[in-house]
C-alpha atoms as a PDB file:
ATOM      1  CA  UNK A   1      66.232 -85.097-194.313  1.00  0.00           C
ATOM      2  CA  UNK A   2      65.136 -81.480-193.944  1.00  0.00           C
ATOM      3  CA  UNK A   3      65.484 -79.734-190.624  1.00  0.00           C
ATOM      4  CA  UNK A   4      61.860 -79.207-189.710  1.00  0.00           C
ATOM      5  CA  UNK A   5      62.345 -78.658-185.986  1.00  0.00           C
ATOM      6  CA  UNK A   6      60.076 -75.940-184.697  1.00  0.00           C
ATOM      7  CA  UNK A   7      60.524 -73.500-181.835  1.00  0.00           C
ATOM      8  CA  UNK A   8      57.656 -72.091-179.786  1.00  0.00           C
ATOM      9  CA  UNK A   9      57.718 -68.383-178.973  1.00  0.00           C
ATOM     10  CA  UNK A  10      56.464 -66.846-175.721  1.00  0.00           C
ATOM     11  CA  UNK A  11      53.293 -65.934-177.655  1.00  0.00           C
ATOM     12  CA  UNK A  12      52.586 -69.606-178.360  1.00  0.00           C
ATOM     13  CA  UNK A  13      53.374 -69.215-182.057  1.00  0.00           C
ATOM     14  CA  UNK A  14      55.649 -71.738-183.723  1.00  0.00           C
ATOM     15  CA  UNK A  15      58.482 -71.032-186.150  1.00  0.00           C
ATOM     16  CA  UNK A  16      60.901 -73.292-187.991  1.00  0.00           C
ATOM     17  CA  UNK A  17      64.445 -73.279-186.687  1.00  0.00           C
ATOM     18  CA  UNK A  18      65.932 -72.655-190.122  1.00  0.00           C
ATOM     19  CA  UNK A  19      64.577 -69.794-192.180  1.00  0.00           C
ATOM     20  CA  UNK A  20      65.541 -67.967-195.354  1.00  0.00           C
ATOM     21  CA  UNK A  21      67.317 -64.644-194.948  1.00  0.00           C
ATOM     22  CA  UNK A  22      66.940 -62.011-197.678  1.00  0.00           C
ATOM     23  CA  UNK A  23      69.486 -59.357-196.598  1.00  0.00           C
ATOM     24  CA  UNK A  24      72.181 -58.432-199.164  1.00  0.00           C
ATOM     25  CA  UNK A  25      70.328 -60.257-201.909  1.00  0.00           C
ATOM     26  CA  UNK A  26      70.592 -58.527-205.270  1.00  0.00           C
ATOM     27  CA  UNK A  27      67.516 -57.292-207.149  1.00  0.00           C
ATOM     28  CA  UNK A  28      65.696 -59.926-209.213  1.00  0.00           C
ATOM     29  CA  UNK A  29      67.289 -62.757-207.206  1.00  0.00           C
ATOM     30  CA  UNK A  30      64.947 -62.784-204.241  1.00  0.00           C
ATOM     31  CA  UNK A  31      61.744 -63.714-206.038  1.00  0.00           C
ATOM     32  CA  UNK A  32      63.357 -66.869-207.375  1.00  0.00           C
ATOM     33  CA  UNK A  33      65.048 -67.673-204.037  1.00  0.00           C
ATOM     34  CA  UNK A  34      61.822 -67.405-202.039  1.00  0.00           C
ATOM     35  CA  UNK A  35      59.922 -69.580-204.503  1.00  0.00           C
ATOM     36  CA  UNK A  36      62.669 -72.243-204.464  1.00  0.00           C
ATOM     37  CA  UNK A  37      62.848 -72.135-200.669  1.00  0.00           C
ATOM     38  CA  UNK A  38      59.108 -72.559-200.101  1.00  0.00           C
ATOM     39  CA  UNK A  39      58.886 -75.345-202.692  1.00  0.00           C
ATOM     40  CA  UNK A  40      61.708 -77.120-200.819  1.00  0.00           C
ATOM     41  CA  UNK A  41      60.138 -76.950-197.390  1.00  0.00           C
ATOM     42  CA  UNK A  42      61.116 -73.585-195.917  1.00  0.00           C
ATOM     43  CA  UNK A  43      58.307 -72.041-193.908  1.00  0.00           C
ATOM     44  CA  UNK A  44      60.189 -69.227-192.102  1.00  0.00           C
ATOM     45  CA  UNK A  45      60.993 -66.117-194.171  1.00  0.00           C
ATOM     46  CA  UNK A  46      62.965 -63.146-192.858  1.00  0.00           C
ATOM     47  CA  UNK A  47      62.269 -59.839-194.607  1.00  0.00           C
ATOM     48  CA  UNK A  48      62.651 -56.084-194.091  1.00  0.00           C
ATOM     49  CA  UNK A  49      61.634 -52.790-195.659  1.00  0.00           C
ATOM     50  CA  UNK A  50      65.278 -51.705-195.951  1.00  0.00           C
ATOM     51  CA  UNK A  51      66.199 -54.746-198.046  1.00  0.00           C
ATOM     52  CA  UNK A  52      64.158 -53.070-200.783  1.00  0.00           C
ATOM     53  CA  UNK A  53      63.015 -56.405-202.173  1.00  0.00           C
ATOM     54  CA  UNK A  54      59.715 -57.091-200.405  1.00  0.00           C
ATOM     55  CA  UNK A  55      57.817 -56.527-203.653  1.00  0.00           C
ATOM     56  CA  UNK A  56      59.814 -59.437-205.136  1.00  0.00           C
ATOM     57  CA  UNK A  57      58.984 -61.561-202.110  1.00  0.00           C
ATOM     58  CA  UNK A  58      55.334 -60.667-202.723  1.00  0.00           C
ATOM     59  CA  UNK A  59      55.617 -61.807-206.346  1.00  0.00           C
ATOM     60  CA  UNK A  60      57.068 -65.137-205.158  1.00  0.00           C
ATOM     61  CA  UNK A  61      54.312 -65.562-202.569  1.00  0.00           C
ATOM     62  CA  UNK A  62      51.692 -65.260-205.309  1.00  0.00           C
ATOM     63  CA  UNK A  63      53.326 -68.263-206.994  1.00  0.00           C
ATOM     64  CA  UNK A  64      53.272 -70.474-203.895  1.00  0.00           C
ATOM     65  CA  UNK A  65      50.131 -69.369-201.983  1.00  0.00           C
ATOM     66  CA  UNK A  66      47.856 -71.325-202.002  1.00  0.00           C
ATOM     67  CA  UNK A  67      49.199 -73.777-204.602  1.00  0.00           C
ATOM     68  CA  UNK A  68      52.156 -74.969-202.508  1.00  0.00           C
ATOM     69  CA  UNK A  69      51.434 -73.670-199.030  1.00  0.00           C
ATOM     70  CA  UNK A  70      48.694 -71.876-197.105  1.00  0.00           C
ATOM     71  CA  UNK A  71      49.506 -68.400-195.789  1.00  0.00           C
ATOM     72  CA  UNK A  72      49.044 -69.609-192.210  1.00  0.00           C
ATOM     73  CA  UNK A  73      51.730 -72.276-192.729  1.00  0.00           C
ATOM     74  CA  UNK A  74      54.349 -69.588-193.356  1.00  0.00           C
ATOM     75  CA  UNK A  75      56.052 -67.603-190.596  1.00  0.00           C
ATOM     76  CA  UNK A  76      56.906 -64.177-192.001  1.00  0.00           C
ATOM     77  CA  UNK A  77      59.037 -61.628-190.187  1.00  0.00           C
ATOM     78  CA  UNK A  78      59.592 -58.057-191.312  1.00  0.00           C
ATOM     79  CA  UNK A  79      61.115 -55.001-189.656  1.00  0.00           C
ATOM     80  CA  UNK A  80      60.287 -51.340-189.257  1.00  0.00           C
ATOM     81  CA  UNK A  81      63.070 -49.146-190.619  1.00  0.00           C
ATOM     82  CA  UNK A  82      64.856 -46.364-188.730  1.00  0.00           C
ATOM     83  CA  UNK A  83      63.095 -43.576-190.639  1.00  0.00           C
ATOM     84  CA  UNK A  84      59.721 -44.765-189.301  1.00  0.00           C
ATOM     85  CA  UNK A  85      60.540 -44.926-185.580  1.00  0.00           C
ATOM     86  CA  UNK A  86      58.302 -41.957-184.825  1.00  0.00           C
ATOM     87  CA  UNK A  87      55.050 -43.298-183.330  1.00  0.00           C
ATOM     88  CA  UNK A  88      52.911 -41.783-186.092  1.00  0.00           C
ATOM     89  CA  UNK A  89      55.019 -43.516-188.750  1.00  0.00           C
ATOM     90  CA  UNK A  90      55.190 -47.087-187.399  1.00  0.00           C
ATOM     91  CA  UNK A  91      51.823 -48.361-188.610  1.00  0.00           C
ATOM     92  CA  UNK A  92      52.150 -46.484-191.916  1.00  0.00           C
ATOM     93  CA  UNK A  93      55.297 -48.421-192.749  1.00  0.00           C
ATOM     94  CA  UNK A  94      53.707 -51.672-191.613  1.00  0.00           C
ATOM     95  CA  UNK A  95      50.850 -51.027-194.061  1.00  0.00           C
ATOM     96  CA  UNK A  96      53.379 -50.429-196.831  1.00  0.00           C
ATOM     97  CA  UNK A  97      55.137 -53.703-196.011  1.00  0.00           C
ATOM     98  CA  UNK A  98      51.852 -55.640-196.069  1.00  0.00           C
ATOM     99  CA  UNK A  99      51.009 -54.060-199.411  1.00  0.00           C
ATOM    100  CA  UNK A 100      54.409 -54.968-200.893  1.00  0.00           C
ATOM    101  CA  UNK A 101      54.079 -58.567-199.702  1.00  0.00           C
ATOM    102  CA  UNK A 102      50.419 -58.891-200.686  1.00  0.00           C
ATOM    103  CA  UNK A 103      49.451 -60.373-197.303  1.00  0.00           C
ATOM    104  CA  UNK A 104      47.047 -59.311-194.573  1.00  0.00           C
ATOM    105  CA  UNK A 105      49.330 -59.841-191.587  1.00  0.00           C
ATOM    106  CA  UNK A 106      52.875 -60.526-190.391  1.00  0.00           C
ATOM    107  CA  UNK A 107      53.727 -63.216-187.892  1.00  0.00           C
ATOM    108  CA  UNK A 108      56.455 -61.037-186.383  1.00  0.00           C
ATOM    109  CA  UNK A 109      57.377 -57.357-186.706  1.00  0.00           C
ATOM    110  CA  UNK A 110      60.686 -56.127-185.328  1.00  0.00           C
ATOM    111  CA  UNK A 111      62.315 -52.761-184.633  1.00  0.00           C
ATOM    112  CA  UNK A 112      65.233 -53.253-187.035  1.00  0.00           C
ATOM    113  CA  UNK A 113      67.803 -51.120-185.169  1.00  0.00           C
ATOM    114  CA  UNK A 114      67.872 -49.193-181.872  1.00  0.00           C
ATOM    115  CA  UNK A 115      68.463 -46.057-183.957  1.00  0.00           C
ATOM    116  CA  UNK A 116      65.993 -43.462-185.297  1.00  0.00           C
ATOM    117  CA  UNK A 117      66.501 -41.467-188.503  1.00  0.00           C
ATOM    118  CA  UNK A 118      64.620 -38.280-189.335  1.00  0.00           C
ATOM    119  CA  UNK A 119      61.377 -39.130-191.156  1.00  0.00           C
ATOM    120  CA  UNK A 120      60.199 -38.007-194.563  1.00  0.00           C
ATOM    121  CA  UNK A 121      63.592 -37.862-196.262  1.00  0.00           C
ATOM    122  CA  UNK A 122      63.857 -41.383-197.627  1.00  0.00           C
ATOM    123  CA  UNK A 123      65.445 -44.510-196.172  1.00  0.00           C
ATOM    124  CA  UNK A 124      68.914 -42.947-195.806  1.00  0.00           C
ATOM    125  CA  UNK A 125      68.447 -39.229-195.003  1.00  0.00           C
ATOM    126  CA  UNK A 126      71.662 -37.290-195.629  1.00  0.00           C
ATOM    127  CA  UNK A 127      72.915 -35.067-192.824  1.00  0.00           C
ATOM    128  CA  UNK A 128      72.495 -31.406-193.832  1.00  0.00           C
ATOM    129  CA  UNK A 129      75.964 -30.315-192.665  1.00  0.00           C
ATOM    130  CA  UNK A 130      78.083 -33.429-192.126  1.00  0.00           C
ATOM    131  CA  UNK A 131      79.301 -35.096-195.286  1.00  0.00           C
ATOM    132  CA  UNK A 132      78.741 -38.860-195.680  1.00  0.00           C
ATOM    133  CA  UNK A 133      76.635 -39.072-192.538  1.00  0.00           C
ATOM    134  CA  UNK A 134      73.018 -39.998-191.864  1.00  0.00           C
ATOM    135  CA  UNK A 135      70.735 -37.447-190.222  1.00  0.00           C
ATOM    136  CA  UNK A 136      69.717 -39.112-186.984  1.00  0.00           C
ATOM    137  CA  UNK A 137      66.548 -38.373-185.014  1.00  0.00           C
ATOM    138  CA  UNK A 138      67.985 -38.004-181.522  1.00  0.00           C
ATOM    139  CA  UNK A 139      64.638 -37.094-179.925  1.00  0.00           C
ATOM    140  CA  UNK A 140      62.501 -40.171-180.616  1.00  0.00           C
ATOM    141  CA  UNK A 141      63.338 -42.796-177.996  1.00  0.00           C
ATOM    142  CA  UNK A 142      63.324 -46.578-178.228  1.00  0.00           C
ATOM    143  CA  UNK A 143      60.519 -46.603-175.666  1.00  0.00           C
ATOM    144  CA  UNK A 144      58.449 -44.255-177.875  1.00  0.00           C
ATOM    145  CA  UNK A 145      58.828 -46.656-180.796  1.00  0.00           C
ATOM    146  CA  UNK A 146      58.195 -49.753-178.682  1.00  0.00           C
ATOM    147  CA  UNK A 147      54.941 -48.288-177.345  1.00  0.00           C
ATOM    148  CA  UNK A 148      53.806 -47.768-180.945  1.00  0.00           C
ATOM    149  CA  UNK A 149      54.820 -51.346-181.816  1.00  0.00           C
ATOM    150  CA  UNK A 150      52.850 -52.930-178.981  1.00  0.00           C
ATOM    151  CA  UNK A 151      49.811 -50.827-179.943  1.00  0.00           C
ATOM    152  CA  UNK A 152      49.714 -52.243-183.498  1.00  0.00           C
ATOM    153  CA  UNK A 153      46.512 -54.159-184.316  1.00  0.00           C
ATOM    154  CA  UNK A 154      46.803 -57.918-183.757  1.00  0.00           C
ATOM    155  CA  UNK A 155      44.946 -58.353-187.043  1.00  0.00           C
ATOM    156  CA  UNK A 156      48.059 -57.000-188.809  1.00  0.00           C
ATOM    157  CA  UNK A 157      50.856 -58.244-186.529  1.00  0.00           C
ATOM    158  CA  UNK A 158      50.782 -61.417-184.457  1.00  0.00           C
ATOM    159  CA  UNK A 159      53.906 -60.622-182.390  1.00  0.00           C
ATOM    160  CA  UNK A 160      56.451 -57.833-181.996  1.00  0.00           C
ATOM    161  CA  UNK A 161      60.120 -57.830-181.126  1.00  0.00           C
ATOM    162  CA  UNK A 162      63.468 -56.161-181.691  1.00  0.00           C
ATOM    163  CA  UNK A 163      66.663 -56.604-183.663  1.00  0.00           C
ATOM    164  CA  UNK A 164      70.258 -55.619-182.863  1.00  0.00           C
ATOM    165  CA  UNK A 165      69.246 -54.645-179.303  1.00  0.00           C
ATOM    166  CA  UNK A 166      71.538 -54.920-176.277  1.00  0.00           C
ATOM    167  CA  UNK A 167      70.602 -55.964-172.739  1.00  0.00           C
ATOM    168  CA  UNK A 168      70.168 -52.393-171.362  1.00  0.00           C
ATOM    169  CA  UNK A 169      68.039 -51.431-174.358  1.00  0.00           C
ATOM    170  CA  UNK A 170      65.698 -54.404-173.899  1.00  0.00           C
ATOM    171  CA  UNK A 171      65.547 -53.878-170.128  1.00  0.00           C
ATOM    172  CA  UNK A 172      64.364 -50.297-170.693  1.00  0.00           C
ATOM    173  CA  UNK A 173      61.521 -51.443-172.963  1.00  0.00           C
ATOM    174  CA  UNK A 174      60.337 -53.981-170.413  1.00  0.00           C
ATOM    175  CA  UNK A 175      60.609 -51.507-167.515  1.00  0.00           C
ATOM    176  CA  UNK A 176      58.615 -48.847-169.377  1.00  0.00           C
ATOM    177  CA  UNK A 177      55.822 -51.077-170.701  1.00  0.00           C
ATOM    178  CA  UNK A 178      55.897 -54.473-168.932  1.00  0.00           C
ATOM    179  CA  UNK A 179      55.853 -55.979-172.431  1.00  0.00           C
ATOM    180  CA  UNK A 180      58.713 -58.340-173.242  1.00  0.00           C
ATOM    181  CA  UNK A 181      59.782 -58.563-176.900  1.00  0.00           C
ATOM    182  CA  UNK A 182      58.974 -61.965-178.378  1.00  0.00           C
ATOM    183  CA  UNK A 183      62.253 -62.058-180.325  1.00  0.00           C
ATOM    184  CA  UNK A 184      65.642 -60.351-180.515  1.00  0.00           C
ATOM    185  CA  UNK A 185      67.270 -60.898-183.896  1.00  0.00           C
ATOM    186  CA  UNK A 186      71.037 -60.475-183.675  1.00  0.00           C
ATOM    187  CA  UNK A 187      74.274 -61.146-185.472  1.00  0.00           C
ATOM    188  CA  UNK A 188      75.585 -64.414-184.024  1.00  0.00           C
ATOM    189  CA  UNK A 189      78.246 -66.869-185.187  1.00  0.00           C
ATOM    190  CA  UNK A 190      81.387 -68.459-183.667  1.00  0.00           C
ATOM    191  CA  UNK A 191      83.294 -65.138-183.799  1.00  0.00           C
ATOM    192  CA  UNK A 192      80.397 -63.350-182.043  1.00  0.00           C
ATOM    193  CA  UNK A 193      78.635 -65.905-179.827  1.00  0.00           C
ATOM    194  CA  UNK A 194      76.881 -63.223-177.696  1.00  0.00           C
ATOM    195  CA  UNK A 195      76.743 -65.565-174.693  1.00  0.00           C
ATOM    196  CA  UNK A 196      75.694 -62.920-172.156  1.00  0.00           C
ATOM    197  CA  UNK A 197      72.923 -61.557-174.374  1.00  0.00           C
ATOM    198  CA  UNK A 198      71.776 -65.091-175.178  1.00  0.00           C
ATOM    199  CA  UNK A 199      71.557 -65.965-171.458  1.00  0.00           C
ATOM    200  CA  UNK A 200      69.605 -62.762-170.736  1.00  0.00           C
ATOM    201  CA  UNK A 201      67.121 -63.451-173.532  1.00  0.00           C
ATOM    202  CA  UNK A 202      66.641 -67.038-172.339  1.00  0.00           C
ATOM    203  CA  UNK A 203      65.942 -65.814-168.816  1.00  0.00           C
ATOM    204  CA  UNK A 204      63.328 -63.349-170.111  1.00  0.00           C
ATOM    205  CA  UNK A 205      61.685 -65.809-172.521  1.00  0.00           C
ATOM    206  CA  UNK A 206      62.897 -63.882-175.570  1.00  0.00           C
ATOM    207  CA  UNK A 207      63.629 -66.090-178.562  1.00  0.00           C
ATOM    208  CA  UNK A 208      66.866 -65.306-180.409  1.00  0.00           C
ATOM    209  CA  UNK A 209      67.163 -65.470-184.179  1.00  0.00           C
ATOM    210  CA  UNK A 210      70.684 -65.312-185.591  1.00  0.00           C
ATOM    211  CA  UNK A 211      71.426 -63.477-188.809  1.00  0.00           C
ATOM    212  CA  UNK A 212      74.730 -63.833-190.647  1.00  0.00           C
ATOM    213  CA  UNK A 213      75.220 -67.325-189.126  1.00  0.00           C
ATOM    214  CA  UNK A 214      77.988 -67.855-191.699  1.00  0.00           C
ATOM    215  CA  UNK A 215      79.544 -64.465-190.898  1.00  0.00           C
ATOM    216  CA  UNK A 216      80.111 -62.305-193.962  1.00  0.00           C
ATOM    217  CA  UNK A 217      82.976 -60.652-195.778  1.00  0.00           C
ATOM    218  CA  UNK A 218      82.068 -57.033-195.038  1.00  0.00           C
ATOM    219  CA  UNK A 219      85.285 -56.414-193.076  1.00  0.00           C
ATOM    220  CA  UNK A 220      87.824 -58.248-195.213  1.00  0.00           C
ATOM    221  CA  UNK A 221      88.515 -61.114-192.780  1.00  0.00           C
ATOM    222  CA  UNK A 222      88.584 -64.763-193.887  1.00  0.00           C
ATOM    223  CA  UNK A 223      85.116 -66.229-194.365  1.00  0.00           C
ATOM    224  CA  UNK A 224      83.993 -68.489-191.543  1.00  0.00           C
ATOM    225  CA  UNK A 225      83.304 -71.181-194.118  1.00  0.00           C
ATOM    226  CA  UNK A 226      87.058 -71.202-194.880  1.00  0.00           C
ATOM    227  CA  UNK A 227      88.286 -71.763-191.298  1.00  0.00           C
ATOM    228  CA  UNK A 228      90.204 -75.105-191.185  1.00  0.00           C
ATOM    229  CA  UNK A 229      88.407 -76.426-188.090  1.00  0.00           C
ATOM    230  CA  UNK A 230      85.023 -75.877-189.724  1.00  0.00           C
ATOM    231  CA  UNK A 231      86.112 -77.294-193.084  1.00  0.00           C
ATOM    232  CA  UNK A 232      87.525 -80.380-191.331  1.00  0.00           C
ATOM    233  CA  UNK A 233      84.299 -81.123-189.442  1.00  0.00           C
ATOM    234  CA  UNK A 234      82.291 -80.568-192.629  1.00  0.00           C
ATOM    235  CA  UNK A 235      84.407 -83.111-194.517  1.00  0.00           C
ATOM    236  CA  UNK A 236      84.115 -85.638-191.699  1.00  0.00           C
ATOM    237  CA  UNK A 237      80.304 -85.333-191.735  1.00  0.00           C
ATOM    238  CA  UNK A 238      80.012 -85.185-195.536  1.00  0.00           C
ATOM    239  CA  UNK A 239      78.421 -81.749-195.134  1.00  0.00           C
ATOM    240  CA  UNK A 240      79.124 -78.226-196.316  1.00  0.00           C
ATOM    241  CA  UNK A 241      80.833 -75.693-194.011  1.00  0.00           C
ATOM    242  CA  UNK A 242      77.616 -73.654-194.179  1.00  0.00           C
ATOM    243  CA  UNK A 243      75.614 -76.623-192.883  1.00  0.00           C
ATOM    244  CA  UNK A 244      78.082 -76.970-190.002  1.00  0.00           C
ATOM    245  CA  UNK A 245      77.756 -73.293-189.042  1.00  0.00           C
ATOM    246  CA  UNK A 246      73.959 -73.495-189.213  1.00  0.00           C
ATOM    247  CA  UNK A 247      74.091 -76.615-187.025  1.00  0.00           C
ATOM    248  CA  UNK A 248      76.286 -74.714-184.527  1.00  0.00           C
ATOM    249  CA  UNK A 249      73.545 -72.097-184.181  1.00  0.00           C
ATOM    250  CA  UNK A 250      70.810 -74.719-183.916  1.00  0.00           C
ATOM    251  CA  UNK A 251      72.838 -76.526-181.211  1.00  0.00           C
ATOM    252  CA  UNK A 252      72.666 -73.292-179.188  1.00  0.00           C
ATOM    253  CA  UNK A 253      68.866 -73.277-179.365  1.00  0.00           C
ATOM    254  CA  UNK A 254      68.130 -70.302-181.559  1.00  0.00           C
ATOM    255  CA  UNK A 255      66.728 -70.030-185.050  1.00  0.00           C
ATOM    256  CA  UNK A 256      69.066 -69.193-187.912  1.00  0.00           C
ATOM    257  CA  UNK A 257      68.318 -67.399-191.177  1.00  0.00           C
ATOM    258  CA  UNK A 258      71.102 -68.061-193.687  1.00  0.00           C
ATOM    259  CA  UNK A 259      70.815 -66.077-196.900  1.00  0.00           C
ATOM    260  CA  UNK A 260      71.299 -67.668-200.283  1.00  0.00           C
ATOM    261  CA  UNK A 261      69.958 -67.110-203.766  1.00  0.00           C
ATOM    262  CA  UNK A 262      71.518 -70.243-205.279  1.00  0.00           C
ATOM    263  CA  UNK A 263      69.182 -73.221-205.552  1.00  0.00           C
ATOM    264  CA  UNK A 264      71.648 -75.866-204.376  1.00  0.00           C
ATOM    265  CA  UNK A 265      72.704 -73.811-201.358  1.00  0.00           C
ATOM    266  CA  UNK A 266      69.106 -73.006-200.448  1.00  0.00           C
ATOM    267  CA  UNK A 267      68.409 -76.735-200.435  1.00  0.00           C
ATOM    268  CA  UNK A 268      71.605 -77.793-198.633  1.00  0.00           C
ATOM    269  CA  UNK A 269      71.274 -75.109-195.935  1.00  0.00           C
ATOM    270  CA  UNK A 270      67.951 -76.724-194.999  1.00  0.00           C
ATOM    271  CA  UNK A 271      69.390 -80.207-194.569  1.00  0.00           C
ATOM    272  CA  UNK A 272      69.678 -81.462-191.031  1.00  0.00           C
ATOM    273  CA  UNK A 273      73.164 -81.868-189.608  1.00  0.00           C
ATOM    274  CA  UNK A 274      73.682 -82.580-185.915  1.00  0.00           C
ATOM    275  CA  UNK A 275      76.885 -81.914-183.985  1.00  0.00           C
ATOM    276  CA  UNK A 276      78.474 -83.787-181.113  1.00  0.00           C
ATOM    277  CA  UNK A 277      79.469 -81.784-178.041  1.00  0.00           C
ATOM    278  CA  UNK A 278      83.119 -82.111-179.114  1.00  0.00           C
ATOM    279  CA  UNK A 279      82.377 -80.811-182.603  1.00  0.00           C
ATOM    280  CA  UNK A 280      80.371 -77.934-181.193  1.00  0.00           C
ATOM    281  CA  UNK A 281      83.252 -76.995-178.870  1.00  0.00           C
ATOM    282  CA  UNK A 282      85.809 -77.218-181.687  1.00  0.00           C
ATOM    283  CA  UNK A 283      83.742 -74.768-183.747  1.00  0.00           C
ATOM    284  CA  UNK A 284      83.267 -72.468-180.740  1.00  0.00           C
ATOM    285  CA  UNK A 285      87.054 -72.407-180.212  1.00  0.00           C
ATOM    286  CA  UNK A 286      87.439 -70.616-183.570  1.00  0.00           C
ATOM    287  CA  UNK A 287      86.142 -67.482-181.854  1.00  0.00           C
ATOM    288  CA  UNK A 288      88.513 -67.516-178.878  1.00  0.00           C
ATOM    289  CA  UNK A 289      90.589 -64.333-179.010  1.00  0.00           C
ATOM    290  CA  UNK A 290      89.023 -63.556-182.390  1.00  0.00           C
ATOM    291  CA  UNK A 291      86.007 -61.406-181.480  1.00  0.00           C
ATOM    292  CA  UNK A 292      84.489 -60.029-184.678  1.00  0.00           C
ATOM    293  CA  UNK A 293      81.273 -58.111-185.145  1.00  0.00           C
ATOM    294  CA  UNK A 294      80.789 -57.692-188.882  1.00  0.00           C
ATOM    295  CA  UNK A 295      77.755 -55.404-188.792  1.00  0.00           C
ATOM    296  CA  UNK A 296      78.608 -52.050-187.156  1.00  0.00           C
ATOM    297  CA  UNK A 297      76.674 -49.085-188.578  1.00  0.00           C
ATOM    298  CA  UNK A 298      79.301 -46.589-187.401  1.00  0.00           C
ATOM    299  CA  UNK A 299      81.455 -48.112-190.145  1.00  0.00           C
ATOM    300  CA  UNK A 300      78.764 -47.762-192.809  1.00  0.00           C
ATOM    301  CA  UNK A 301      78.969 -45.348-195.691  1.00  0.00           C
ATOM    302  CA  UNK A 302      77.176 -43.051-195.071  1.00  0.00           C
ATOM    303  CA  UNK A 303      78.062 -43.301-191.376  1.00  0.00           C
ATOM    304  CA  UNK A 304      75.590 -43.575-188.515  1.00  0.00           C
ATOM    305  CA  UNK A 305      77.267 -41.444-185.840  1.00  0.00           C
ATOM    306  CA  UNK A 306      76.008 -43.493-182.899  1.00  0.00           C
ATOM    307  CA  UNK A 307      77.433 -46.003-180.432  1.00  0.00           C
ATOM    308  CA  UNK A 308      75.069 -48.991-180.423  1.00  0.00           C
ATOM    309  CA  UNK A 309      77.105 -51.899-179.076  1.00  0.00           C
ATOM    310  CA  UNK A 310      80.060 -50.380-177.217  1.00  0.00           C
ATOM    311  CA  UNK A 311      82.509 -51.957-179.654  1.00  0.00           C
ATOM    312  CA  UNK A 312      86.020 -50.436-179.951  1.00  0.00           C
ATOM    313  CA  UNK A 313      85.167 -49.359-183.510  1.00  0.00           C
ATOM    314  CA  UNK A 314      82.373 -47.161-182.111  1.00  0.00           C
ATOM    315  CA  UNK A 315      84.425 -45.291-179.494  1.00  0.00           C
ATOM    316  CA  UNK A 316      84.575 -42.062-181.530  1.00  0.00           C
ATOM    317  CA  UNK A 317      80.821 -41.903-182.129  1.00  0.00           C
ATOM    318  CA  UNK A 318      79.254 -38.625-180.975  1.00  0.00           C
ATOM    319  CA  UNK A 319      75.878 -40.005-179.864  1.00  0.00           C
ATOM    320  CA  UNK A 320      74.593 -42.710-177.499  1.00  0.00           C
ATOM    321  CA  UNK A 321      71.384 -44.589-178.192  1.00  0.00           C
ATOM    322  CA  UNK A 322      68.366 -42.621-176.871  1.00  0.00           C
ATOM    323  CA  UNK A 323      66.685 -45.354-174.884  1.00  0.00           C
ATOM    324  CA  UNK A 324      64.080 -43.259-173.059  1.00  0.00           C
ATOM    325  CA  UNK A 325      62.126 -44.236-169.984  1.00  0.00           C
END
């Protein structure tokens, strides 16, 4: 039985609770993955300019629209990249995304990170004097970018939101514009449950989508799918550890976007598994005293010299986020 449960956004739009993530997918794999996913019932696709594979997604869409699904039956999210945060650049990049995908509109468009890069120097502009660092745009504020996002034509974008934003960053957007983001897409899994942020978003009517619901192996820690408690529950329910971790996210009420390019995993990730309260709590306990945020741009190569989350790993960063007012 496929998990077809839908969630209604503050805009009234509906999205499926399980979607297909396309981050960290290798070239030539995404086209096949998207086609397999749509043919097997997925209707929620998570995309981004920086993944550099939207043209492949577009090729897959040509194979399934309208033969398998109508465009309006799909919920497609994409994200504006850091090098297009400047108000004059936001709609230009949106147009490029629509062109790559071969569609007329997005269901949701997010600010990918609360960080601006200098424009016109590619996706990863090198710092002119600091080796292995990105050249940040420290003048353009989050509020500047958000104002450009909310001004985008509804004919091209049905809803706008944010990604990787903290509570103070979202509060500033709302204070400056009275417009609440429809969605905040964040890293969330048992090692990073983000309870406070989740409660804030619920209070404001902001839907949360969780990326990396299975964690990842970017920091050399054991994979979440290998933790004994998770493996044990999976065996007891005749499910995969990935299905259990996806179910943990669904239990918490948000949508989850696991990435896979393998046909069997794409199919199994979409299968419905429900957890008891005791099972949910046993999985949650894995994160006690084991706080891990896998995705910290200060650790990237090249480095983003900015403190986004206030994590210990970011304490030496030279720059705060320029929120604006």
